[in-house]
Amino acid sequence: MKAHLAHPLGLAYLLHRLSGLGLALFLPAHFYVLSLALTDPDRLESFMHWAEMPLVKLAEFGLVFLLAVHFFGGLRLLALEFLPWTGRQKTLAASALAGAFLVSGAFLLNAV
């Protein structure tokens, strides 16, 4: 295991990197669906019908979770750069993850 992943905040580092990768992989699909509104409204309508499926709603929860993890991970990195290091930062990283679950859970409850 690399030394930076063995650090107590190694999981926060890994989650931030993976969430950014997941969001980057999602963007082309998102832009494609948006382009359907301009180029093929009938296919967009059938996609919107497909998007009402429960599994897709669960995937949307995952997407919002990735966005929230990446957002709160970025705030954690800003805190690391601009605030002095303290033992509390592990708690702040855990709070960031809890905040990500809260935001994405609220989205999921609203979607179903």
C-alpha atoms as a PDB file:
ATOM      1  CA  MET A   1       0.000   0.000   0.000  1.00  0.00           C
ATOM      2  CA  LYS A   2       1.317   3.432  -0.862  1.00  0.00           C
ATOM      3  CA  ALA A   3       2.315   5.612   2.083  1.00  0.00           C
ATOM      4  CA  HIS A   4      -0.293   8.300   1.373  1.00  0.00           C
ATOM      5  CA  LEU A   5      -3.093   5.685   1.441  1.00  0.00           C
ATOM      6  CA  ALA A   6      -1.877   4.325   4.794  1.00  0.00           C
ATOM      7  CA  HIS A   7      -2.410   7.761   6.336  1.00  0.00           C
ATOM      8  CA  PRO A   8      -5.662   8.087   8.335  1.00  0.00           C
ATOM      9  CA  LEU A   9      -7.047  10.402   5.656  1.00  0.00           C
ATOM     10  CA  GLY A  10      -5.973   8.086   2.837  1.00  0.00           C
ATOM     11  CA  LEU A  11      -9.567   6.943   2.369  1.00  0.00           C
ATOM     12  CA  ALA A  12     -10.690  10.565   2.010  1.00  0.00           C
ATOM     13  CA  TYR A  13      -7.991  11.059  -0.631  1.00  0.00           C
ATOM     14  CA  LEU A  14      -9.072   7.917  -2.481  1.00  0.00           C
ATOM     15  CA  LEU A  15     -12.782   8.827  -2.332  1.00  0.00           C
ATOM     16  CA  HIS A  16     -12.051  12.292  -3.697  1.00  0.00           C
ATOM     17  CA  ARG A  17     -10.066  10.868  -6.620  1.00  0.00           C
ATOM     18  CA  LEU A  18     -12.630   8.165  -7.421  1.00  0.00           C
ATOM     19  CA  SER A  19     -15.575  10.557  -7.185  1.00  0.00           C
ATOM     20  CA  GLY A  20     -13.846  12.918  -9.608  1.00  0.00           C
ATOM     21  CA  LEU A  21     -13.238  10.034 -12.000  1.00  0.00           C
ATOM     22  CA  GLY A  22     -16.868   8.917 -11.735  1.00  0.00           C
ATOM     23  CA  LEU A  23     -18.122  12.425 -12.443  1.00  0.00           C
ATOM     24  CA  ALA A  24     -15.754  12.764 -15.402  1.00  0.00           C
ATOM     25  CA  LEU A  25     -17.058   9.498 -16.858  1.00  0.00           C
ATOM     26  CA  PHE A  26     -20.666  10.636 -16.392  1.00  0.00           C
ATOM     27  CA  LEU A  27     -20.284  13.970 -18.188  1.00  0.00           C
ATOM     28  CA  PRO A  28     -20.171  12.673 -21.797  1.00  0.00           C
ATOM     29  CA  ALA A  29     -23.359  10.656 -21.226  1.00  0.00           C
ATOM     30  CA  HIS A  30     -25.014  13.700 -19.671  1.00  0.00           C
ATOM     31  CA  PHE A  31     -24.059  15.916 -22.615  1.00  0.00           C
ATOM     32  CA  TYR A  32     -25.328  13.285 -25.044  1.00  0.00           C
ATOM     33  CA  VAL A  33     -28.736  13.173 -23.345  1.00  0.00           C
ATOM     34  CA  LEU A  34     -28.879  16.972 -23.309  1.00  0.00           C
ATOM     35  CA  SER A  35     -28.119  17.019 -27.034  1.00  0.00           C
ATOM     36  CA  LEU A  36     -31.163  14.803 -27.629  1.00  0.00           C
ATOM     37  CA  ALA A  37     -33.367  17.740 -26.628  1.00  0.00           C
ATOM     38  CA  LEU A  38     -32.077  19.597 -29.684  1.00  0.00           C
ATOM     39  CA  THR A  39     -31.570  16.780 -32.174  1.00  0.00           C
ATOM     40  CA  ASP A  40     -34.099  14.021 -31.417  1.00  0.00           C
ATOM     41  CA  PRO A  41     -36.913  14.951 -28.994  1.00  0.00           C
ATOM     42  CA  ASP A  42     -38.643  11.570 -29.478  1.00  0.00           C
ATOM     43  CA  ARG A  43     -35.569   9.669 -28.272  1.00  0.00           C
ATOM     44  CA  LEU A  44     -35.282  12.086 -25.365  1.00  0.00           C
ATOM     45  CA  GLU A  45     -38.881  11.325 -24.423  1.00  0.00           C
ATOM     46  CA  SER A  46     -38.220   7.581 -24.455  1.00  0.00           C
ATOM     47  CA  PHE A  47     -35.072   8.144 -22.382  1.00  0.00           C
ATOM     48  CA  MET A  48     -37.051  10.165 -19.844  1.00  0.00           C
ATOM     49  CA  HIS A  49     -39.508   7.281 -19.570  1.00  0.00           C
ATOM     50  CA  TRP A  50     -36.595   4.870 -18.994  1.00  0.00           C
ATOM     51  CA  ALA A  51     -35.160   7.243 -16.371  1.00  0.00           C
ATOM     52  CA  GLU A  52     -38.235   6.695 -14.159  1.00  0.00           C
ATOM     53  CA  MET A  53     -37.143   3.115 -13.381  1.00  0.00           C
ATOM     54  CA  PRO A  54     -36.163   2.442  -9.740  1.00  0.00           C
ATOM     55  CA  LEU A  55     -32.669   1.232 -10.680  1.00  0.00           C
ATOM     56  CA  VAL A  56     -32.026   4.491 -12.521  1.00  0.00           C
ATOM     57  CA  LYS A  57     -33.230   6.429  -9.457  1.00  0.00           C
ATOM     58  CA  LEU A  58     -30.715   4.467  -7.381  1.00  0.00           C
ATOM     59  CA  ALA A  59     -28.005   5.318  -9.911  1.00  0.00           C
ATOM     60  CA  GLU A  60     -28.991   8.995  -9.603  1.00  0.00           C
ATOM     61  CA  PHE A  61     -28.488   8.658  -5.851  1.00  0.00           C
ATOM     62  CA  GLY A  62     -24.994   7.353  -6.605  1.00  0.00           C
ATOM     63  CA  LEU A  63     -24.306  10.276  -8.904  1.00  0.00           C
ATOM     64  CA  VAL A  64     -25.445  12.842  -6.354  1.00  0.00           C
ATOM     65  CA  PHE A  65     -23.360  10.999  -3.747  1.00  0.00           C
ATOM     66  CA  LEU A  66     -20.285  11.254  -5.995  1.00  0.00           C
ATOM     67  CA  LEU A  67     -20.936  14.966  -6.479  1.00  0.00           C
ATOM     68  CA  ALA A  68     -21.364  15.550  -2.748  1.00  0.00           C
ATOM     69  CA  VAL A  69     -18.255  13.499  -1.885  1.00  0.00           C
ATOM     70  CA  HIS A  70     -16.228  15.446  -4.416  1.00  0.00           C
ATOM     71  CA  PHE A  71     -17.573  18.784  -3.167  1.00  0.00           C
ATOM     72  CA  PHE A  72     -16.933  18.049   0.502  1.00  0.00           C
ATOM     73  CA  GLY A  73     -13.572  16.470  -0.337  1.00  0.00           C
ATOM     74  CA  GLY A  74     -12.607  19.675  -2.090  1.00  0.00           C
ATOM     75  CA  LEU A  75     -13.580  21.654   0.992  1.00  0.00           C
ATOM     76  CA  ARG A  76     -11.422  19.283   3.058  1.00  0.00           C
ATOM     77  CA  LEU A  77      -8.470  19.934   0.750  1.00  0.00           C
ATOM     78  CA  LEU A  78      -8.970  23.672   1.057  1.00  0.00           C
ATOM     79  CA  ALA A  79      -8.967  23.286   4.831  1.00  0.00           C
ATOM     80  CA  LEU A  80      -5.721  21.292   4.650  1.00  0.00           C
ATOM     81  CA  GLU A  81      -4.082  23.997   2.579  1.00  0.00           C
ATOM     82  CA  PHE A  82      -5.242  27.014   4.546  1.00  0.00           C
ATOM     83  CA  LEU A  83      -5.745  25.805   8.126  1.00  0.00           C
ATOM     84  CA  PRO A  84      -3.121  24.455  10.521  1.00  0.00           C
ATOM     85  CA  TRP A  85      -3.084  20.642  10.890  1.00  0.00           C
ATOM     86  CA  THR A  86      -4.976  19.349  13.920  1.00  0.00           C
ATOM     87  CA  GLY A  87      -6.309  15.999  15.049  1.00  0.00           C
ATOM     88  CA  ARG A  88      -9.805  17.353  14.376  1.00  0.00           C
ATOM     89  CA  GLN A  89      -9.334  17.092  10.631  1.00  0.00           C
ATOM     90  CA  LYS A  90     -10.062  13.360  10.726  1.00  0.00           C
ATOM     91  CA  THR A  91     -13.408  14.221  12.288  1.00  0.00           C
ATOM     92  CA  LEU A  92     -13.980  16.884   9.655  1.00  0.00           C
ATOM     93  CA  ALA A  93     -13.283  14.346   6.894  1.00  0.00           C
ATOM     94  CA  ALA A  94     -15.804  11.939   8.448  1.00  0.00           C
ATOM     95  CA  SER A  95     -18.282  14.813   8.713  1.00  0.00           C
ATOM     96  CA  ALA A  96     -17.751  15.572   5.021  1.00  0.00           C
ATOM     97  CA  LEU A  97     -18.626  11.974   4.151  1.00  0.00           C
ATOM     98  CA  ALA A  98     -21.690  12.124   6.404  1.00  0.00           C
ATOM     99  CA  GLY A  99     -22.719  15.364   4.695  1.00  0.00           C
ATOM    100  CA  ALA A 100     -22.383  13.668   1.307  1.00  0.00           C
ATOM    101  CA  PHE A 101     -24.675  10.846   2.463  1.00  0.00           C
ATOM    102  CA  LEU A 102     -27.150  13.409   3.814  1.00  0.00           C
ATOM    103  CA  VAL A 103     -27.282  15.399   0.576  1.00  0.00           C
ATOM    104  CA  SER A 104     -27.537  12.359  -1.702  1.00  0.00           C
ATOM    105  CA  GLY A 105     -30.020  10.622   0.638  1.00  0.00           C
ATOM    106  CA  ALA A 106     -32.265  13.689   0.565  1.00  0.00           C
ATOM    107  CA  PHE A 107     -32.113  13.623  -3.226  1.00  0.00           C
ATOM    108  CA  LEU A 108     -33.029   9.931  -3.275  1.00  0.00           C
ATOM    109  CA  LEU A 109     -35.992  10.453  -0.952  1.00  0.00           C
ATOM    110  CA  ASN A 110     -37.200  13.299  -3.140  1.00  0.00           C
ATOM    111  CA  ALA A 111     -36.789  11.215  -6.312  1.00  0.00           C
ATOM    112  CA  VAL A 112     -38.850   8.223  -5.196  1.00  0.00           C
END
